[in-house]
Amino acid sequence: MYYTYIMTHKRNHLFYVGVTNDIKRRTFEHKNGTYGSHTGRYNIDKLVYFEEHQWIQEAIKREKTIKKWKRQWKDNIITELNPEWRDLSAEWDLSIFEEPNQETNN
């Protein structure tokens, strides 16, 4: 399964549109700043929209389409499926992606 998704930040002003084959792992990366760049700099860590695709080509095509959309069109698809713009990952257990603490012996 592949996913096209939209992340935003606390004020819902900036968007990040992406593709992944593991929506939970990718969300964890956004929330923990492990991916760097735009998402880390602007704290884009709230998953507000995603859709599933059987084929990676479909997911990439959809990502490219959404990226070209005007802001209002993105707002509309998010609001249609997530009217309160809540974090869709809020109830997911993302702790499985945390690396175990490695103790060092001195």
PDB file of N, CA and C in Angstrom:
ATOM      1  N   MET A   1       0.840  -1.179   0.000  1.00  0.00           N
ATOM      2  CA  MET A   1       0.000   0.000   0.000  1.00  0.00           C
ATOM      3  C   MET A   1       0.888   1.246   0.000  1.00  0.00           C
ATOM      4  N   TYR A   2       0.465   2.266  -0.720  1.00  0.00           N
ATOM      5  CA  TYR A   2       1.187   3.534  -0.786  1.00  0.00           C
ATOM      6  C   TYR A   2       0.241   4.657  -0.397  1.00  0.00           C
ATOM      7  N   TYR A   3       0.808   5.747   0.058  1.00  0.00           N
ATOM      8  CA  TYR A   3      -0.002   6.847   0.582  1.00  0.00           C
ATOM      9  C   TYR A   3       0.460   8.177   0.012  1.00  0.00           C
ATOM     10  N   THR A   4      -0.501   9.014  -0.315  1.00  0.00           N
ATOM     11  CA  THR A   4      -0.260  10.430  -0.578  1.00  0.00           C
ATOM     12  C   THR A   4      -0.826  11.143   0.633  1.00  0.00           C
ATOM     13  N   TYR A   5      -0.065  12.076   1.191  1.00  0.00           N
ATOM     14  CA  TYR A   5      -0.498  12.686   2.444  1.00  0.00           C
ATOM     15  C   TYR A   5      -0.197  14.176   2.470  1.00  0.00           C
ATOM     16  N   ILE A   6      -0.907  14.860   3.374  1.00  0.00           N
ATOM     17  CA  ILE A   6      -0.667  16.286   3.605  1.00  0.00           C
ATOM     18  C   ILE A   6      -0.434  16.487   5.094  1.00  0.00           C
ATOM     19  N   MET A   7       0.686  17.140   5.396  1.00  0.00           N
ATOM     20  CA  MET A   7       1.013  17.518   6.769  1.00  0.00           C
ATOM     21  C   MET A   7       0.962  19.037   6.844  1.00  0.00           C
ATOM     22  N   THR A   8       0.730  19.533   8.041  1.00  0.00           N
ATOM     23  CA  THR A   8       0.756  20.970   8.275  1.00  0.00           C
ATOM     24  C   THR A   8       1.343  21.218   9.662  1.00  0.00           C
ATOM     25  N   HIS A   9       1.336  22.465  10.098  1.00  0.00           N
ATOM     26  CA  HIS A   9       1.819  22.775  11.443  1.00  0.00           C
ATOM     27  C   HIS A   9       0.656  23.257  12.298  1.00  0.00           C
ATOM     28  N   LYS A  10       0.972  23.707  13.482  1.00  0.00           N
ATOM     29  CA  LYS A  10      -0.052  24.059  14.468  1.00  0.00           C
ATOM     30  C   LYS A  10      -1.089  25.060  13.940  1.00  0.00           C
ATOM     31  N   ARG A  11      -0.633  26.040  13.179  1.00  0.00           N
ATOM     32  CA  ARG A  11      -1.551  27.087  12.698  1.00  0.00           C
ATOM     33  C   ARG A  11      -2.200  26.756  11.357  1.00  0.00           C
ATOM     34  N   ASN A  12      -1.885  25.592  10.781  1.00  0.00           N
ATOM     35  CA  ASN A  12      -2.463  25.144   9.512  1.00  0.00           C
ATOM     36  C   ASN A  12      -2.192  26.106   8.361  1.00  0.00           C
ATOM     37  N   HIS A  13      -1.044  26.745   8.390  1.00  0.00           N
ATOM     38  CA  HIS A  13      -0.724  27.736   7.370  1.00  0.00           C
ATOM     39  C   HIS A  13       0.155  27.164   6.250  1.00  0.00           C
ATOM     40  N   LEU A  14       1.117  26.329   6.618  1.00  0.00           N
ATOM     41  CA  LEU A  14       2.028  25.740   5.640  1.00  0.00           C
ATOM     42  C   LEU A  14       1.701  24.278   5.433  1.00  0.00           C
ATOM     43  N   PHE A  15       1.933  23.798   4.207  1.00  0.00           N
ATOM     44  CA  PHE A  15       1.665  22.399   3.878  1.00  0.00           C
ATOM     45  C   PHE A  15       2.925  21.688   3.422  1.00  0.00           C
ATOM     46  N   TYR A  16       2.921  20.393   3.645  1.00  0.00           N
ATOM     47  CA  TYR A  16       3.885  19.500   3.023  1.00  0.00           C
ATOM     48  C   TYR A  16       3.083  18.368   2.422  1.00  0.00           C
ATOM     49  N   VAL A  17       3.249  18.130   1.130  1.00  0.00           N
ATOM     50  CA  VAL A  17       2.565  17.037   0.437  1.00  0.00           C
ATOM     51  C   VAL A  17       3.626  16.001   0.100  1.00  0.00           C
ATOM     52  N   GLY A  18       3.365  14.743   0.451  1.00  0.00           N
ATOM     53  CA  GLY A  18       4.360  13.707   0.212  1.00  0.00           C
ATOM     54  C   GLY A  18       3.760  12.363  -0.131  1.00  0.00           C
ATOM     55  N   VAL A  19       4.648  11.405  -0.374  1.00  0.00           N
ATOM     56  CA  VAL A  19       4.289  10.028  -0.699  1.00  0.00           C
ATOM     57  C   VAL A  19       5.121   9.108   0.177  1.00  0.00           C
ATOM     58  N   THR A  20       4.536   8.021   0.617  1.00  0.00           N
ATOM     59  CA  THR A  20       5.268   7.040   1.418  1.00  0.00           C
ATOM     60  C   THR A  20       4.623   5.668   1.267  1.00  0.00           C
ATOM     61  N   ASN A  21       5.364   4.652   1.636  1.00  0.00           N
ATOM     62  CA  ASN A  21       4.804   3.303   1.688  1.00  0.00           C
ATOM     63  C   ASN A  21       4.520   2.884   3.130  1.00  0.00           C
ATOM     64  N   ASP A  22       4.810   3.774   4.072  1.00  0.00           N
ATOM     65  CA  ASP A  22       4.567   3.491   5.488  1.00  0.00           C
ATOM     66  C   ASP A  22       4.151   4.796   6.173  1.00  0.00           C
ATOM     67  N   ILE A  23       2.867   5.046   6.221  1.00  0.00           N
ATOM     68  CA  ILE A  23       2.351   6.330   6.705  1.00  0.00           C
ATOM     69  C   ILE A  23       2.683   6.560   8.179  1.00  0.00           C
ATOM     70  N   LYS A  24       2.675   5.514   8.974  1.00  0.00           N
ATOM     71  CA  LYS A  24       2.983   5.689  10.397  1.00  0.00           C
ATOM     72  C   LYS A  24       4.451   6.022  10.609  1.00  0.00           C
ATOM     73  N   ARG A  25       5.351   5.304   9.947  1.00  0.00           N
ATOM     74  CA  ARG A  25       6.781   5.596  10.071  1.00  0.00           C
ATOM     75  C   ARG A  25       7.091   7.001   9.575  1.00  0.00           C
ATOM     76  N   ARG A  26       6.510   7.373   8.444  1.00  0.00           N
ATOM     77  CA  ARG A  26       6.776   8.696   7.871  1.00  0.00           C
ATOM     78  C   ARG A  26       6.258   9.801   8.796  1.00  0.00           C
ATOM     79  N   THR A  27       5.097   9.578   9.395  1.00  0.00           N
ATOM     80  CA  THR A  27       4.550  10.545  10.345  1.00  0.00           C
ATOM     81  C   THR A  27       5.478  10.680  11.545  1.00  0.00           C
ATOM     82  N   PHE A  28       5.980   9.557  12.039  1.00  0.00           N
ATOM     83  CA  PHE A  28       6.951   9.595  13.136  1.00  0.00           C
ATOM     84  C   PHE A  28       8.157  10.451  12.762  1.00  0.00           C
ATOM     85  N   GLU A  29       8.666  10.272  11.550  1.00  0.00           N
ATOM     86  CA  GLU A  29       9.819  11.049  11.094  1.00  0.00           C
ATOM     87  C   GLU A  29       9.514  12.549  11.092  1.00  0.00           C
ATOM     88  N   HIS A  30       8.340  12.912  10.618  1.00  0.00           N
ATOM     89  CA  HIS A  30       7.950  14.331  10.629  1.00  0.00           C
ATOM     90  C   HIS A  30       7.873  14.854  12.064  1.00  0.00           C
ATOM     91  N   LYS A  31       7.254  14.098  12.947  1.00  0.00           N
ATOM     92  CA  LYS A  31       7.059  14.551  14.323  1.00  0.00           C
ATOM     93  C   LYS A  31       8.375  14.651  15.100  1.00  0.00           C
ATOM     94  N   ASN A  32       9.357  13.899  14.679  1.00  0.00           N
ATOM     95  CA  ASN A  32      10.629  13.883  15.390  1.00  0.00           C
ATOM     96  C   ASN A  32      11.746  14.593  14.636  1.00  0.00           C
ATOM     97  N   GLY A  33      11.404  15.245  13.581  1.00  0.00           N
ATOM     98  CA  GLY A  33      12.390  16.033  12.850  1.00  0.00           C
ATOM     99  C   GLY A  33      13.529  15.216  12.286  1.00  0.00           C
ATOM    100  N   THR A  34      13.308  13.914  12.068  1.00  0.00           N
ATOM    101  CA  THR A  34      14.382  13.063  11.569  1.00  0.00           C
ATOM    102  C   THR A  34      14.563  13.196  10.062  1.00  0.00           C
ATOM    103  N   TYR A  35      13.730  13.967   9.416  1.00  0.00           N
ATOM    104  CA  TYR A  35      13.833  14.088   7.969  1.00  0.00           C
ATOM    105  C   TYR A  35      14.441  15.415   7.556  1.00  0.00           C
ATOM    106  N   GLY A  36      14.527  16.371   8.475  1.00  0.00           N
ATOM    107  CA  GLY A  36      15.179  17.654   8.198  1.00  0.00           C
ATOM    108  C   GLY A  36      14.427  18.533   7.226  1.00  0.00           C
ATOM    109  N   SER A  37      15.100  19.490   6.676  1.00  0.00           N
ATOM    110  CA  SER A  37      14.628  20.436   5.658  1.00  0.00           C
ATOM    111  C   SER A  37      13.376  21.202   6.053  1.00  0.00           C
ATOM    112  N   HIS A  38      12.516  21.432   5.092  1.00  0.00           N
ATOM    113  CA  HIS A  38      11.312  22.259   5.222  1.00  0.00           C
ATOM    114  C   HIS A  38      10.452  21.847   6.416  1.00  0.00           C
ATOM    115  N   THR A  39      10.191  20.552   6.545  1.00  0.00           N
ATOM    116  CA  THR A  39       9.276  20.084   7.589  1.00  0.00           C
ATOM    117  C   THR A  39       9.827  20.314   8.986  1.00  0.00           C
ATOM    118  N   GLY A  40      11.116  20.094   9.167  1.00  0.00           N
ATOM    119  CA  GLY A  40      11.726  20.320  10.474  1.00  0.00           C
ATOM    120  C   GLY A  40      11.829  21.789  10.821  1.00  0.00           C
ATOM    121  N   ARG A  41      12.200  22.592   9.847  1.00  0.00           N
ATOM    122  CA  ARG A  41      12.391  24.031  10.067  1.00  0.00           C
ATOM    123  C   ARG A  41      11.086  24.704  10.474  1.00  0.00           C
ATOM    124  N   TYR A  42       9.963  24.285   9.882  1.00  0.00           N
ATOM    125  CA  TYR A  42       8.675  24.924  10.155  1.00  0.00           C
ATOM    126  C   TYR A  42       7.771  24.097  11.058  1.00  0.00           C
ATOM    127  N   ASN A  43       8.323  23.032  11.658  1.00  0.00           N
ATOM    128  CA  ASN A  43       7.571  22.193  12.588  1.00  0.00           C
ATOM    129  C   ASN A  43       6.277  21.657  11.959  1.00  0.00           C
ATOM    130  N   ILE A  44       6.390  21.160  10.755  1.00  0.00           N
ATOM    131  CA  ILE A  44       5.244  20.586  10.044  1.00  0.00           C
ATOM    132  C   ILE A  44       5.130  19.133  10.483  1.00  0.00           C
ATOM    133  N   ASP A  45       4.240  18.900  11.450  1.00  0.00           N
ATOM    134  CA  ASP A  45       4.172  17.577  12.070  1.00  0.00           C
ATOM    135  C   ASP A  45       2.748  17.089  12.337  1.00  0.00           C
ATOM    136  N   LYS A  46       1.772  17.717  11.722  1.00  0.00           N
ATOM    137  CA  LYS A  46       0.373  17.350  11.951  1.00  0.00           C
ATOM    138  C   LYS A  46      -0.202  16.745  10.670  1.00  0.00           C
ATOM    139  N   LEU A  47      -0.544  15.470  10.727  1.00  0.00           N
ATOM    140  CA  LEU A  47      -1.121  14.773   9.576  1.00  0.00           C
ATOM    141  C   LEU A  47      -2.599  15.116   9.480  1.00  0.00           C
ATOM    142  N   VAL A  48      -2.988  15.837   8.432  1.00  0.00           N
ATOM    143  CA  VAL A  48      -4.380  16.263   8.308  1.00  0.00           C
ATOM    144  C   VAL A  48      -5.128  15.570   7.177  1.00  0.00           C
ATOM    145  N   TYR A  49      -4.387  14.871   6.307  1.00  0.00           N
ATOM    146  CA  TYR A  49      -5.041  14.208   5.176  1.00  0.00           C
ATOM    147  C   TYR A  49      -4.135  13.110   4.640  1.00  0.00           C
ATOM    148  N   PHE A  50      -4.723  11.981   4.274  1.00  0.00           N
ATOM    149  CA  PHE A  50      -3.986  10.973   3.517  1.00  0.00           C
ATOM    150  C   PHE A  50      -4.960  10.103   2.755  1.00  0.00           C
ATOM    151  N   GLU A  51      -4.457   9.543   1.681  1.00  0.00           N
ATOM    152  CA  GLU A  51      -5.245   8.621   0.876  1.00  0.00           C
ATOM    153  C   GLU A  51      -4.360   7.450   0.470  1.00  0.00           C
ATOM    154  N   GLU A  52      -4.985   6.281   0.303  1.00  0.00           N
ATOM    155  CA  GLU A  52      -4.258   5.062  -0.015  1.00  0.00           C
ATOM    156  C   GLU A  52      -4.277   4.798  -1.516  1.00  0.00           C
ATOM    157  N   HIS A  53      -3.194   4.195  -1.994  1.00  0.00           N
ATOM    158  CA  HIS A  53      -3.085   3.807  -3.400  1.00  0.00           C
ATOM    159  C   HIS A  53      -2.464   2.419  -3.465  1.00  0.00           C
ATOM    160  N   GLN A  54      -2.894   1.646  -4.418  1.00  0.00           N
ATOM    161  CA  GLN A  54      -2.342   0.308  -4.580  1.00  0.00           C
ATOM    162  C   GLN A  54      -0.966   0.355  -5.247  1.00  0.00           C
ATOM    163  N   TRP A  55      -0.752   1.310  -6.116  1.00  0.00           N
ATOM    164  CA  TRP A  55       0.481   1.384  -6.896  1.00  0.00           C
ATOM    165  C   TRP A  55       1.224   2.675  -6.607  1.00  0.00           C
ATOM    166  N   ILE A  56       2.553   2.599  -6.541  1.00  0.00           N
ATOM    167  CA  ILE A  56       3.369   3.780  -6.267  1.00  0.00           C
ATOM    168  C   ILE A  56       3.187   4.845  -7.339  1.00  0.00           C
ATOM    169  N   GLN A  57       3.002   4.425  -8.582  1.00  0.00           N
ATOM    170  CA  GLN A  57       2.817   5.390  -9.671  1.00  0.00           C
ATOM    171  C   GLN A  57       1.577   6.253  -9.450  1.00  0.00           C
ATOM    172  N   GLU A  58       0.515   5.638  -8.935  1.00  0.00           N
ATOM    173  CA  GLU A  58      -0.717   6.381  -8.630  1.00  0.00           C
ATOM    174  C   GLU A  58      -0.461   7.402  -7.528  1.00  0.00           C
ATOM    175  N   ALA A  59       0.254   6.980  -6.489  1.00  0.00           N
ATOM    176  CA  ALA A  59       0.529   7.861  -5.349  1.00  0.00           C
ATOM    177  C   ALA A  59       1.382   9.056  -5.782  1.00  0.00           C
ATOM    178  N   ILE A  60       2.395   8.796  -6.599  1.00  0.00           N
ATOM    179  CA  ILE A  60       3.264   9.877  -7.066  1.00  0.00           C
ATOM    180  C   ILE A  60       2.501  10.836  -7.976  1.00  0.00           C
ATOM    181  N   LYS A  61       1.681  10.298  -8.843  1.00  0.00           N
ATOM    182  CA  LYS A  61       0.880  11.152  -9.740  1.00  0.00           C
ATOM    183  C   LYS A  61      -0.049  12.055  -8.933  1.00  0.00           C
ATOM    184  N   ARG A  62      -0.680  11.492  -7.915  1.00  0.00           N
ATOM    185  CA  ARG A  62      -1.585  12.263  -7.073  1.00  0.00           C
ATOM    186  C   ARG A  62      -0.817  13.336  -6.290  1.00  0.00           C
ATOM    187  N   GLU A  63       0.354  12.979  -5.768  1.00  0.00           N
ATOM    188  CA  GLU A  63       1.187  13.947  -5.055  1.00  0.00           C
ATOM    189  C   GLU A  63       1.504  15.138  -5.959  1.00  0.00           C
ATOM    190  N   LYS A  64       1.934  14.859  -7.172  1.00  0.00           N
ATOM    191  CA  LYS A  64       2.285  15.932  -8.105  1.00  0.00           C
ATOM    192  C   LYS A  64       1.082  16.799  -8.435  1.00  0.00           C
ATOM    193  N   THR A  65      -0.079  16.168  -8.568  1.00  0.00           N
ATOM    194  CA  THR A  65      -1.315  16.916  -8.846  1.00  0.00           C
ATOM    195  C   THR A  65      -1.652  17.848  -7.687  1.00  0.00           C
ATOM    196  N   ILE A  66      -1.651  17.316  -6.471  1.00  0.00           N
ATOM    197  CA  ILE A  66      -1.998  18.116  -5.284  1.00  0.00           C
ATOM    198  C   ILE A  66      -1.003  19.260  -5.096  1.00  0.00           C
ATOM    199  N   LYS A  67       0.267  19.014  -5.332  1.00  0.00           N
ATOM    200  CA  LYS A  67       1.280  20.065  -5.180  1.00  0.00           C
ATOM    201  C   LYS A  67       1.012  21.247  -6.106  1.00  0.00           C
ATOM    202  N   LYS A  68       0.393  20.989  -7.256  1.00  0.00           N
ATOM    203  CA  LYS A  68       0.103  22.061  -8.215  1.00  0.00           C
ATOM    204  C   LYS A  68      -1.166  22.831  -7.864  1.00  0.00           C
ATOM    205  N   TRP A  69      -1.971  22.286  -6.978  1.00  0.00           N
ATOM    206  CA  TRP A  69      -3.238  22.917  -6.623  1.00  0.00           C
ATOM    207  C   TRP A  69      -3.043  24.247  -5.913  1.00  0.00           C
ATOM    208  N   LYS A  70      -4.057  25.088  -6.058  1.00  0.00           N
ATOM    209  CA  LYS A  70      -4.126  26.320  -5.276  1.00  0.00           C
ATOM    210  C   LYS A  70      -4.389  25.961  -3.817  1.00  0.00           C
ATOM    211  N   ARG A  71      -4.045  26.869  -2.946  1.00  0.00           N
ATOM    212  CA  ARG A  71      -4.235  26.674  -1.505  1.00  0.00           C
ATOM    213  C   ARG A  71      -5.681  26.272  -1.181  1.00  0.00           C
ATOM    214  N   GLN A  72      -6.639  26.949  -1.770  1.00  0.00           N
ATOM    215  CA  GLN A  72      -8.043  26.697  -1.454  1.00  0.00           C
ATOM    216  C   GLN A  72      -8.463  25.274  -1.801  1.00  0.00           C
ATOM    217  N   TRP A  73      -7.949  24.740  -2.881  1.00  0.00           N
ATOM    218  CA  TRP A  73      -8.292  23.368  -3.257  1.00  0.00           C
ATOM    219  C   TRP A  73      -7.763  22.377  -2.219  1.00  0.00           C
ATOM    220  N   LYS A  74      -6.558  22.626  -1.714  1.00  0.00           N
ATOM    221  CA  LYS A  74      -6.004  21.767  -0.655  1.00  0.00           C
ATOM    222  C   LYS A  74      -6.848  21.892   0.605  1.00  0.00           C
ATOM    223  N   ASP A  75      -7.200  23.124   0.958  1.00  0.00           N
ATOM    224  CA  ASP A  75      -8.072  23.338   2.119  1.00  0.00           C
ATOM    225  C   ASP A  75      -9.365  22.539   1.963  1.00  0.00           C
ATOM    226  N   ASN A  76      -9.927  22.553   0.766  1.00  0.00           N
ATOM    227  CA  ASN A  76     -11.210  21.880   0.520  1.00  0.00           C
ATOM    228  C   ASN A  76     -11.127  20.367   0.711  1.00  0.00           C
ATOM    229  N   ILE A  77     -10.071  19.717   0.186  1.00  0.00           N
ATOM    230  CA  ILE A  77     -10.027  18.254   0.343  1.00  0.00           C
ATOM    231  C   ILE A  77      -9.754  17.862   1.786  1.00  0.00           C
ATOM    232  N   ILE A  78      -8.985  18.684   2.484  1.00  0.00           N
ATOM    233  CA  ILE A  78      -8.741  18.401   3.904  1.00  0.00           C
ATOM    234  C   ILE A  78     -10.039  18.557   4.685  1.00  0.00           C
ATOM    235  N   THR A  79     -10.727  19.665   4.493  1.00  0.00           N
ATOM    236  CA  THR A  79     -11.954  19.959   5.234  1.00  0.00           C
ATOM    237  C   THR A  79     -13.058  18.947   4.934  1.00  0.00           C
ATOM    238  N   GLU A  80     -13.095  18.455   3.709  1.00  0.00           N
ATOM    239  CA  GLU A  80     -14.114  17.467   3.329  1.00  0.00           C
ATOM    240  C   GLU A  80     -14.000  16.191   4.155  1.00  0.00           C
ATOM    241  N   LEU A  81     -12.775  15.729   4.387  1.00  0.00           N
ATOM    242  CA  LEU A  81     -12.572  14.484   5.125  1.00  0.00           C
ATOM    243  C   LEU A  81     -12.180  14.686   6.582  1.00  0.00           C
ATOM    244  N   ASN A  82     -11.737  15.879   6.915  1.00  0.00           N
ATOM    245  CA  ASN A  82     -11.247  16.160   8.266  1.00  0.00           C
ATOM    246  C   ASN A  82     -11.660  17.589   8.639  1.00  0.00           C
ATOM    247  N   PRO A  83     -12.967  17.825   8.854  1.00  0.00           N
ATOM    248  CA  PRO A  83     -13.483  19.185   9.034  1.00  0.00           C
ATOM    249  C   PRO A  83     -12.830  19.974  10.168  1.00  0.00           C
ATOM    250  N   GLU A  84     -12.365  19.317  11.198  1.00  0.00           N
ATOM    251  CA  GLU A  84     -11.759  20.012  12.328  1.00  0.00           C
ATOM    252  C   GLU A  84     -10.239  20.113  12.212  1.00  0.00           C
ATOM    253  N   TRP A  85      -9.694  19.604  11.115  1.00  0.00           N
ATOM    254  CA  TRP A  85      -8.252  19.630  10.875  1.00  0.00           C
ATOM    255  C   TRP A  85      -7.484  19.028  12.047  1.00  0.00           C
ATOM    256  N   ARG A  86      -8.012  17.952  12.613  1.00  0.00           N
ATOM    257  CA  ARG A  86      -7.320  17.309  13.728  1.00  0.00           C
ATOM    258  C   ARG A  86      -6.165  16.470  13.196  1.00  0.00           C
ATOM    259  N   ASP A  87      -5.240  16.158  14.063  1.00  0.00           N
ATOM    260  CA  ASP A  87      -4.098  15.328  13.705  1.00  0.00           C
ATOM    261  C   ASP A  87      -4.579  13.883  13.596  1.00  0.00           C
ATOM    262  N   LEU A  88      -4.601  13.350  12.387  1.00  0.00           N
ATOM    263  CA  LEU A  88      -5.119  12.004  12.152  1.00  0.00           C
ATOM    264  C   LEU A  88      -4.244  10.922  12.780  1.00  0.00           C
ATOM    265  N   SER A  89      -3.035  11.281  13.160  1.00  0.00           N
ATOM    266  CA  SER A  89      -2.136  10.308  13.775  1.00  0.00           C
ATOM    267  C   SER A  89      -2.145  10.378  15.302  1.00  0.00           C
ATOM    268  N   ALA A  90      -2.973  11.214  15.862  1.00  0.00           N
ATOM    269  CA  ALA A  90      -2.955  11.469  17.308  1.00  0.00           C
ATOM    270  C   ALA A  90      -3.129  10.203  18.151  1.00  0.00           C
ATOM    271  N   GLU A  91      -3.871   9.237  17.665  1.00  0.00           N
ATOM    272  CA  GLU A  91      -4.122   8.030  18.448  1.00  0.00           C
ATOM    273  C   GLU A  91      -3.245   6.855  18.024  1.00  0.00           C
ATOM    274  N   TRP A  92      -2.330   7.076  17.109  1.00  0.00           N
ATOM    275  CA  TRP A  92      -1.433   6.011  16.670  1.00  0.00           C
ATOM    276  C   TRP A  92      -0.299   5.838  17.672  1.00  0.00           C
ATOM    277  N   ASP A  93       0.121   4.607  17.860  1.00  0.00           N
ATOM    278  CA  ASP A  93       1.291   4.331  18.679  1.00  0.00           C
ATOM    279  C   ASP A  93       2.525   4.401  17.788  1.00  0.00           C
ATOM    280  N   LEU A  94       3.214   5.511  17.828  1.00  0.00           N
ATOM    281  CA  LEU A  94       4.398   5.702  16.989  1.00  0.00           C
ATOM    282  C   LEU A  94       5.684   5.332  17.724  1.00  0.00           C
ATOM    283  N   SER A  95       5.547   4.876  18.970  1.00  0.00           N
ATOM    284  CA  SER A  95       6.736   4.553  19.770  1.00  0.00           C
ATOM    285  C   SER A  95       7.514   3.378  19.189  1.00  0.00           C
ATOM    286  N   ILE A  96       6.891   2.572  18.363  1.00  0.00           N
ATOM    287  CA  ILE A  96       7.592   1.424  17.778  1.00  0.00           C
ATOM    288  C   ILE A  96       8.726   1.855  16.852  1.00  0.00           C
ATOM    289  N   PHE A  97       8.723   3.112  16.459  1.00  0.00           N
ATOM    290  CA  PHE A  97       9.759   3.617  15.559  1.00  0.00           C
ATOM    291  C   PHE A  97      10.918   4.275  16.311  1.00  0.00           C
ATOM    292  N   GLU A  98      10.776   4.394  17.616  1.00  0.00           N
ATOM    293  CA  GLU A  98      11.844   4.992  18.414  1.00  0.00           C
ATOM    294  C   GLU A  98      13.006   4.011  18.516  1.00  0.00           C
ATOM    295  N   GLU A  99      14.210   4.554  18.423  1.00  0.00           N
ATOM    296  CA  GLU A  99      15.384   3.722  18.606  1.00  0.00           C
ATOM    297  C   GLU A  99      15.615   3.522  20.094  1.00  0.00           C
ATOM    298  N   PRO A 100      15.958   2.320  20.493  1.00  0.00           N
ATOM    299  CA  PRO A 100      16.211   2.091  21.919  1.00  0.00           C
ATOM    300  C   PRO A 100      17.425   2.905  22.372  1.00  0.00           C
ATOM    301  N   ASN A 101      17.367   3.366  23.611  1.00  0.00           N
ATOM    302  CA  ASN A 101      18.492   4.128  24.175  1.00  0.00           C
ATOM    303  C   ASN A 101      19.696   3.194  24.268  1.00  0.00           C
ATOM    304  N   GLN A 102      20.795   3.663  23.780  1.00  0.00           N
ATOM    305  CA  GLN A 102      22.019   2.864  23.867  1.00  0.00           C
ATOM    306  C   GLN A 102      22.902   3.450  24.954  1.00  0.00           C
ATOM    307  N   GLU A 103      23.153   2.646  25.942  1.00  0.00           N
ATOM    308  CA  GLU A 103      24.004   3.080  27.040  1.00  0.00           C
ATOM    309  C   GLU A 103      25.448   2.853  26.669  1.00  0.00           C
ATOM    310  N   THR A 104      26.286   3.769  27.073  1.00  0.00           N
ATOM    311  CA  THR A 104      27.716   3.606  26.832  1.00  0.00           C
ATOM    312  C   THR A 104      28.424   3.330  28.149  1.00  0.00           C
ATOM    313  N   ASN A 105      29.324   2.423  28.112  1.00  0.00           N
ATOM    314  CA  ASN A 105      30.108   2.096  29.323  1.00  0.00           C
ATOM    315  C   ASN A 105      31.386   2.914  29.300  1.00  0.00           C
ATOM    316  N   ASN A 106      31.639   3.657  30.350  1.00  0.00           N
ATOM    317  CA  ASN A 106      32.866   4.455  30.446  1.00  0.00           C
ATOM    318  C   ASN A 106      33.861   3.808  31.354  1.00  0.00           C
TER     319      ASN A 106
END
